[in-house]
Amino acid sequence: MNRCLRALNLLCLLTALPLAASAQTSPTTQVLTDTTGTVSVAVRTFPPKAVRGTLMVVAPPEVVLNNRIDRLSPGARIRGANGMLVLSASLVGQTLPVMTLRESQGMLHEVWVLTDIEAKLIPVASSYSATAQ
């Protein structure tokens, strides 16, 4: 009996691993050419619905996104420039270039802080709508 339960648990774990891996943004390598030559850099890929913006955490969960007051959702995930999770309280007062995704209620749920290279590569939207998702 115990052997069956162990095998079932192992099977559940093995089926869940690909889902966990696909949920994270994966870095891709892009080749950039400038006046000094060709440079290869790693840049993360973001979901197609992610929106570029500028974020400043005022008093968590209150934030200012693109000069408009907004709110982080309960359980919002903020990933730093190195890809690791960052607590919103550690970002208070900083103005950061970010990519964001909203949840069904319209609150910010996924936030990625961009590196300097990513900020230069990904253009800022010319106009921002609070209802855009």
Protein backbone atom coordinates (compact mmCIF):
# COMPACT_ATOMS: atom_id res chain seq x y z
CA MET A 1 0.00 0.00 0.00
CA ASN A 2 2.73 2.50 0.92
CA ARG A 3 4.60 1.75 -2.32
CA CYS A 4 1.59 2.81 -4.38
CA LEU A 5 1.31 6.11 -2.53
CA ARG A 6 5.02 6.86 -3.03
CA ALA A 7 4.77 6.10 -6.72
CA LEU A 8 1.69 8.31 -7.04
CA ASN A 9 3.43 11.19 -5.23
CA LEU A 10 6.47 10.83 -7.48
CA LEU A 11 4.27 10.84 -10.57
CA CYS A 12 2.49 14.02 -9.40
CA LEU A 13 5.83 15.70 -8.75
CA LEU A 14 7.22 14.78 -12.16
CA THR A 15 4.15 16.12 -13.96
CA ALA A 16 4.28 19.43 -12.03
CA LEU A 17 7.95 20.18 -12.76
CA PRO A 18 7.49 21.36 -16.37
CA LEU A 19 4.68 23.69 -15.26
CA ALA A 20 6.88 25.32 -12.62
CA ALA A 21 9.72 25.79 -15.07
CA SER A 22 7.51 27.43 -17.70
CA ALA A 23 6.08 29.94 -15.19
CA GLN A 24 9.39 31.77 -14.86
CA THR A 25 10.81 34.15 -17.42
CA SER A 26 13.78 32.63 -19.14
CA PRO A 27 16.75 34.63 -20.37
CA THR A 28 17.45 34.58 -24.06
CA THR A 29 20.61 35.74 -25.73
CA GLN A 30 20.40 38.64 -28.11
CA VAL A 31 23.25 39.84 -30.28
CA LEU A 32 23.63 43.61 -30.26
CA THR A 33 25.85 45.63 -32.58
CA ASP A 34 27.18 49.02 -31.65
CA THR A 35 30.02 51.21 -32.87
CA THR A 36 32.65 49.18 -31.02
CA GLY A 37 31.54 45.79 -32.36
CA THR A 38 29.15 42.94 -31.64
CA VAL A 39 28.09 42.21 -28.07
CA SER A 40 26.06 39.21 -26.90
CA VAL A 41 23.85 39.82 -23.86
CA ALA A 42 21.25 37.81 -21.95
CA VAL A 43 17.82 39.45 -21.90
CA ARG A 44 14.73 37.98 -20.24
CA THR A 45 11.63 37.27 -22.26
CA PHE A 46 8.35 38.53 -20.84
CA PRO A 47 4.74 37.42 -21.37
CA PRO A 48 3.09 39.04 -24.42
CA LYS A 49 0.59 40.95 -22.23
CA ALA A 50 3.31 42.50 -20.06
CA VAL A 51 3.35 46.30 -20.15
CA ARG A 52 6.46 48.47 -19.82
CA GLY A 53 6.39 51.27 -17.27
CA THR A 54 8.08 53.14 -14.45
CA LEU A 55 7.26 52.06 -10.90
CA MET A 56 7.78 53.73 -7.55
CA VAL A 57 6.67 51.98 -4.36
CA VAL A 58 5.16 54.59 -2.03
CA ALA A 59 3.80 52.59 0.91
CA PRO A 60 3.20 48.91 0.10
CA PRO A 61 0.83 47.88 -1.39
CA GLU A 62 0.39 51.42 -2.77
CA VAL A 63 2.59 52.21 -5.78
CA VAL A 64 2.86 54.84 -8.48
CA LEU A 65 2.98 53.34 -11.99
CA ASN A 66 3.58 55.76 -14.86
CA ASN A 67 2.69 58.73 -12.63
CA ARG A 68 -0.65 57.18 -11.59
CA ILE A 69 -1.53 55.73 -8.21
CA ASP A 70 -1.93 51.96 -8.38
CA ARG A 71 -2.00 48.97 -6.05
CA LEU A 72 -0.17 45.65 -5.76
CA SER A 73 -2.43 42.61 -5.50
CA PRO A 74 -2.31 40.32 -2.47
CA GLY A 75 0.47 37.88 -3.26
CA ALA A 76 2.05 40.11 -5.90
CA ARG A 77 5.49 38.97 -7.02
CA ILE A 78 8.23 41.46 -7.72
CA ARG A 79 11.34 40.06 -9.40
CA GLY A 80 14.50 42.11 -9.22
CA ALA A 81 16.95 42.75 -12.04
CA ASN A 82 18.73 39.52 -11.08
CA GLY A 83 15.47 37.52 -11.35
CA MET A 84 15.11 36.88 -7.62
CA LEU A 85 12.04 37.86 -5.58
CA VAL A 86 12.20 41.28 -3.95
CA LEU A 87 10.03 42.55 -1.10
CA SER A 88 8.07 45.67 -1.97
CA ALA A 89 9.14 47.39 1.26
CA SER A 90 12.78 47.27 0.14
CA LEU A 91 11.90 49.32 -2.96
CA VAL A 92 10.18 52.24 -1.18
CA GLY A 93 11.15 55.57 -2.75
CA GLN A 94 13.02 54.09 -5.74
CA THR A 95 11.91 54.83 -9.30
CA LEU A 96 12.47 51.70 -11.40
CA PRO A 97 11.91 50.66 -15.01
CA VAL A 98 9.59 47.62 -14.94
CA MET A 99 7.44 45.21 -16.91
CA THR A 100 4.05 44.52 -15.29
CA LEU A 101 1.11 42.14 -15.55
CA ARG A 102 -2.27 42.75 -13.98
CA GLU A 103 -4.64 40.26 -12.37
CA SER A 104 -8.36 39.95 -13.12
CA GLN A 105 -9.32 42.70 -10.63
CA GLY A 106 -6.92 45.16 -12.28
CA MET A 107 -4.25 45.20 -9.59
CA LEU A 108 -0.56 44.64 -10.36
CA HIS A 109 0.29 40.98 -9.83
CA GLU A 110 3.60 40.36 -11.61
CA VAL A 111 6.38 42.95 -11.69
CA TRP A 112 9.84 42.53 -13.23
CA VAL A 113 12.49 45.15 -12.51
CA LEU A 114 14.46 45.70 -15.72
CA THR A 115 18.23 45.79 -16.03
CA ASP A 116 19.83 48.78 -17.76
CA ILE A 117 20.18 46.82 -21.01
CA GLU A 118 16.57 45.59 -20.90
CA ALA A 119 15.36 49.13 -20.20
CA LYS A 120 17.16 50.36 -23.33
CA LEU A 121 15.89 47.49 -25.51
CA ILE A 122 12.21 47.54 -24.49
CA PRO A 123 10.49 50.80 -25.46
CA VAL A 124 8.16 52.66 -23.14
CA ALA A 125 4.57 52.80 -24.38
CA SER A 126 3.70 56.29 -25.63
CA SER A 127 0.39 56.32 -23.77
CA TYR A 128 -0.73 54.26 -20.82
CA SER A 129 -4.28 53.32 -19.99
CA ALA A 130 -5.11 52.15 -16.47
CA THR A 131 -7.52 49.61 -17.95
CA ALA A 132 -4.99 48.18 -20.44
CA GLN A 133 -4.11 44.59 -19.73
